[in-house]
Structures are given as C-alpha cells and as structure tokens.
Amino acid sequence: MKAVVKSRTEQELVADLTVGFGPFRETFTSRVSLEKPDRIRVRYEKGPFRYLNNVWTFSPDPRGCLVDFFVDFEFRSRLLQNAIGVVFNEGVRLMVSAFIKRARDIYGVSTQPGAVIKN
C-alpha cells in the first residue's frame, strides 16, 4: 500500500493510494475532509471501486480519547475484488495499527486505569 498526498489545506487533502497483490496494482483518489476536532471523512473520487466509505470519529473518554474507524468498500470488478479484497482488508488493518503506533509515539501510553488501545 502506498499513499501520495497531491494537495493539502487546513480542512482537506487529496491523496492517491495504491493497493496491490501479485500482478494487480490499482490506484485510487480520495478527498479527505478534516472536520476538526472530532472527525475525518474520506470521500472516494476515482479508481477501481464501486464505492468506498471511510470515517474516523474521535470522542472524549475518561481514559483519553475513543477512536472509531469505519470502512466499507466494493471493487467494480469481481476479479479485482477476489484478488485484492483480502489484501485490501489487511492494508486497512495495517493502517489502523500505524495510526495507533503514531498516537502512542506522540501522546504516550495512557496511565489511566482501564485504558485500552486495541486494533
């Protein structure tokens, strides 16, 4: 999985993401709205998907911050869905893990009793 940011403002960025498996490589463009301070919404613009919905929501929590991540997608081609679908799911898992690692690097591990970070 590869990401290239094409443009960026305080409220929005446009990025090309490339996913691949074996001989298949597909690039798609997304527009990312930064709805500070509580939401990141990703709108699919062009590429191999029939649809792609992605939302990050951040909510205050007594233990720190609760992060909810939602992604739903379907490729246009059934062949592509079968070939890349599993790899794309793994890519999403890796993206969430990278987010958690970066949050820990920046903010540290919570010392609040009962705080849980899971992926």
C-alpha atoms as a PDB file:
ATOM      1  CA  MET A   1       0.000   0.000   0.000  1.00  0.00           C
ATOM      2  CA  LYS A   2       1.351   3.437  -0.968  1.00  0.00           C
ATOM      3  CA  ALA A   3      -0.059   6.931  -0.373  1.00  0.00           C
ATOM      4  CA  VAL A   4       0.822  10.171  -2.167  1.00  0.00           C
ATOM      5  CA  VAL A   5      -0.700  13.459  -0.987  1.00  0.00           C
ATOM      6  CA  LYS A   6      -1.498  15.583  -4.071  1.00  0.00           C
ATOM      7  CA  SER A   7      -2.784  18.684  -2.277  1.00  0.00           C
ATOM      8  CA  ARG A   8      -3.409  19.821   1.281  1.00  0.00           C
ATOM      9  CA  THR A   9      -5.157  22.660   3.110  1.00  0.00           C
ATOM     10  CA  GLU A  10      -6.135  23.081   6.766  1.00  0.00           C
ATOM     11  CA  GLN A  11      -9.530  21.464   6.089  1.00  0.00           C
ATOM     12  CA  GLU A  12      -8.863  18.977   3.294  1.00  0.00           C
ATOM     13  CA  LEU A  13      -6.353  16.893   1.434  1.00  0.00           C
ATOM     14  CA  VAL A  14      -6.449  14.910  -1.780  1.00  0.00           C
ATOM     15  CA  ALA A  15      -4.423  11.721  -1.949  1.00  0.00           C
ATOM     16  CA  ASP A  16      -3.730   8.865  -4.334  1.00  0.00           C
ATOM     17  CA  LEU A  17      -3.483   5.449  -2.717  1.00  0.00           C
ATOM     18  CA  THR A  18      -2.122   2.373  -4.454  1.00  0.00           C
ATOM     19  CA  VAL A  19      -3.023  -1.171  -3.413  1.00  0.00           C
ATOM     20  CA  GLY A  20      -1.645  -4.289  -4.986  1.00  0.00           C
ATOM     21  CA  PHE A  21      -1.498  -8.030  -4.936  1.00  0.00           C
ATOM     22  CA  GLY A  22       0.554 -10.157  -7.321  1.00  0.00           C
ATOM     23  CA  PRO A  23       0.178  -8.736 -10.836  1.00  0.00           C
ATOM     24  CA  PHE A  24      -2.659  -6.403  -9.785  1.00  0.00           C
ATOM     25  CA  ARG A  25      -1.916  -2.759  -8.920  1.00  0.00           C
ATOM     26  CA  GLU A  26      -4.710  -0.245  -8.549  1.00  0.00           C
ATOM     27  CA  THR A  27      -4.542   3.445  -7.665  1.00  0.00           C
ATOM     28  CA  PHE A  28      -7.489   5.453  -6.446  1.00  0.00           C
ATOM     29  CA  THR A  29      -8.039   9.057  -5.447  1.00  0.00           C
ATOM     30  CA  SER A  30      -9.733  10.163  -2.238  1.00  0.00           C
ATOM     31  CA  ARG A  31     -10.661  13.562  -0.839  1.00  0.00           C
ATOM     32  CA  VAL A  32     -10.102  13.672   2.917  1.00  0.00           C
ATOM     33  CA  SER A  33     -12.103  16.212   4.937  1.00  0.00           C
ATOM     34  CA  LEU A  34     -10.546  17.159   8.277  1.00  0.00           C
ATOM     35  CA  GLU A  35     -13.596  18.035  10.372  1.00  0.00           C
ATOM     36  CA  LYS A  36     -11.633  19.192  13.418  1.00  0.00           C
ATOM     37  CA  PRO A  37     -11.656  18.255  16.170  1.00  0.00           C
ATOM     38  CA  ASP A  38     -13.810  15.151  16.006  1.00  0.00           C
ATOM     39  CA  ARG A  39     -13.974  13.593  12.530  1.00  0.00           C
ATOM     40  CA  ILE A  40     -12.056  12.668   9.414  1.00  0.00           C
ATOM     41  CA  ARG A  41     -14.248  11.772   6.451  1.00  0.00           C
ATOM     42  CA  VAL A  42     -12.845  10.162   3.299  1.00  0.00           C
ATOM     43  CA  ARG A  43     -14.749  10.588   0.036  1.00  0.00           C
ATOM     44  CA  TYR A  44     -13.803   8.319  -2.819  1.00  0.00           C
ATOM     45  CA  GLU A  45     -13.286  10.207  -6.094  1.00  0.00           C
ATOM     46  CA  LYS A  46     -11.986   7.877  -8.787  1.00  0.00           C
ATOM     47  CA  GLY A  47     -10.449   4.485  -9.307  1.00  0.00           C
ATOM     48  CA  PRO A  48     -11.375   0.805  -9.208  1.00  0.00           C
ATOM     49  CA  PHE A  49     -14.123   0.906  -6.564  1.00  0.00           C
ATOM     50  CA  ARG A  50     -17.863   0.808  -6.916  1.00  0.00           C
ATOM     51  CA  TYR A  51     -17.852   2.635  -3.561  1.00  0.00           C
ATOM     52  CA  LEU A  52     -15.530   3.346  -0.653  1.00  0.00           C
ATOM     53  CA  ASN A  53     -16.727   4.871   2.623  1.00  0.00           C
ATOM     54  CA  ASN A  54     -14.281   5.719   5.377  1.00  0.00           C
ATOM     55  CA  VAL A  55     -14.810   7.741   8.578  1.00  0.00           C
ATOM     56  CA  TRP A  56     -12.641   8.275  11.675  1.00  0.00           C
ATOM     57  CA  THR A  57     -14.513   9.677  14.710  1.00  0.00           C
ATOM     58  CA  PHE A  58     -12.795  10.942  17.874  1.00  0.00           C
ATOM     59  CA  SER A  59     -14.763  11.247  21.135  1.00  0.00           C
ATOM     60  CA  PRO A  60     -13.694  12.349  24.623  1.00  0.00           C
ATOM     61  CA  ASP A  61     -13.366   9.462  27.034  1.00  0.00           C
ATOM     62  CA  PRO A  62     -12.428   9.453  30.742  1.00  0.00           C
ATOM     63  CA  ARG A  63      -9.421   7.315  29.788  1.00  0.00           C
ATOM     64  CA  GLY A  64      -8.276   9.635  26.972  1.00  0.00           C
ATOM     65  CA  CYS A  65      -9.861   9.512  23.531  1.00  0.00           C
ATOM     66  CA  LEU A  66     -12.171   6.981  21.931  1.00  0.00           C
ATOM     67  CA  VAL A  67     -11.402   6.410  18.242  1.00  0.00           C
ATOM     68  CA  ASP A  68     -13.976   4.795  15.986  1.00  0.00           C
ATOM     69  CA  PHE A  69     -12.911   3.739  12.486  1.00  0.00           C
ATOM     70  CA  PHE A  70     -15.376   2.686   9.792  1.00  0.00           C
ATOM     71  CA  VAL A  71     -14.504   1.467   6.304  1.00  0.00           C
ATOM     72  CA  ASP A  72     -16.716  -0.184   3.707  1.00  0.00           C
ATOM     73  CA  PHE A  73     -15.800  -0.828   0.088  1.00  0.00           C
ATOM     74  CA  GLU A  74     -16.511  -2.862  -3.016  1.00  0.00           C
ATOM     75  CA  PHE A  75     -14.396  -3.086  -6.146  1.00  0.00           C
ATOM     76  CA  ARG A  76     -16.097  -2.617  -9.533  1.00  0.00           C
ATOM     77  CA  SER A  77     -14.602  -5.843 -10.863  1.00  0.00           C
ATOM     78  CA  ARG A  78     -15.402  -9.180  -9.235  1.00  0.00           C
ATOM     79  CA  LEU A  79     -11.975 -10.453 -10.359  1.00  0.00           C
ATOM     80  CA  LEU A  80     -10.310  -7.500  -8.639  1.00  0.00           C
ATOM     81  CA  GLN A  81     -12.493  -7.942  -5.547  1.00  0.00           C
ATOM     82  CA  ASN A  82     -11.389 -11.567  -5.264  1.00  0.00           C
ATOM     83  CA  ALA A  83      -7.722 -10.804  -5.988  1.00  0.00           C
ATOM     84  CA  ILE A  84      -7.206  -7.656  -3.920  1.00  0.00           C
ATOM     85  CA  GLY A  85     -10.090  -7.704  -1.438  1.00  0.00           C
ATOM     86  CA  VAL A  86      -8.262  -9.772   1.191  1.00  0.00           C
ATOM     87  CA  VAL A  87      -5.050  -7.765   0.744  1.00  0.00           C
ATOM     88  CA  PHE A  88      -7.002  -4.508   0.998  1.00  0.00           C
ATOM     89  CA  ASN A  89      -8.526  -5.692   4.279  1.00  0.00           C
ATOM     90  CA  GLU A  90      -5.003  -6.410   5.537  1.00  0.00           C
ATOM     91  CA  GLY A  91      -3.925  -2.947   4.357  1.00  0.00           C
ATOM     92  CA  VAL A  92      -6.738  -1.384   6.392  1.00  0.00           C
ATOM     93  CA  ARG A  93      -5.604  -3.364   9.452  1.00  0.00           C
ATOM     94  CA  LEU A  94      -2.031  -2.126   8.938  1.00  0.00           C
ATOM     95  CA  MET A  95      -3.271   1.451   8.554  1.00  0.00           C
ATOM     96  CA  VAL A  96      -5.121   1.263  11.879  1.00  0.00           C
ATOM     97  CA  SER A  97      -2.037  -0.261  13.548  1.00  0.00           C
ATOM     98  CA  ALA A  98       0.127   2.559  12.154  1.00  0.00           C
ATOM     99  CA  PHE A  99      -2.379   5.108  13.496  1.00  0.00           C
ATOM    100  CA  ILE A 100      -2.231   3.537  16.965  1.00  0.00           C
ATOM    101  CA  LYS A 101       1.576   3.460  16.909  1.00  0.00           C
ATOM    102  CA  ARG A 102       1.781   7.106  15.841  1.00  0.00           C
ATOM    103  CA  ALA A 103      -0.702   8.138  18.559  1.00  0.00           C
ATOM    104  CA  ARG A 104       1.384   6.291  21.161  1.00  0.00           C
ATOM    105  CA  ASP A 105       4.587   7.925  19.849  1.00  0.00           C
ATOM    106  CA  ILE A 106       3.041  11.399  20.093  1.00  0.00           C
ATOM    107  CA  TYR A 107       0.871  11.108  23.206  1.00  0.00           C
ATOM    108  CA  GLY A 108       2.392   8.161  25.073  1.00  0.00           C
ATOM    109  CA  VAL A 109       0.646   5.172  26.547  1.00  0.00           C
ATOM    110  CA  SER A 110      -2.297   6.004  28.775  1.00  0.00           C
ATOM    111  CA  THR A 111      -1.724   5.617  32.512  1.00  0.00           C
ATOM    112  CA  GLN A 112      -5.443   5.775  33.240  1.00  0.00           C
ATOM    113  CA  PRO A 113      -6.826   2.629  34.904  1.00  0.00           C
ATOM    114  CA  GLY A 114      -8.799   0.558  32.429  1.00  0.00           C
ATOM    115  CA  ALA A 115      -7.461   2.373  29.344  1.00  0.00           C
ATOM    116  CA  VAL A 116      -7.337   0.050  26.387  1.00  0.00           C
ATOM    117  CA  ILE A 117      -5.896   0.545  22.922  1.00  0.00           C
ATOM    118  CA  LYS A 118      -6.745  -2.315  20.648  1.00  0.00           C
ATOM    119  CA  ASN A 119      -6.546  -2.932  16.942  1.00  0.00           C
END
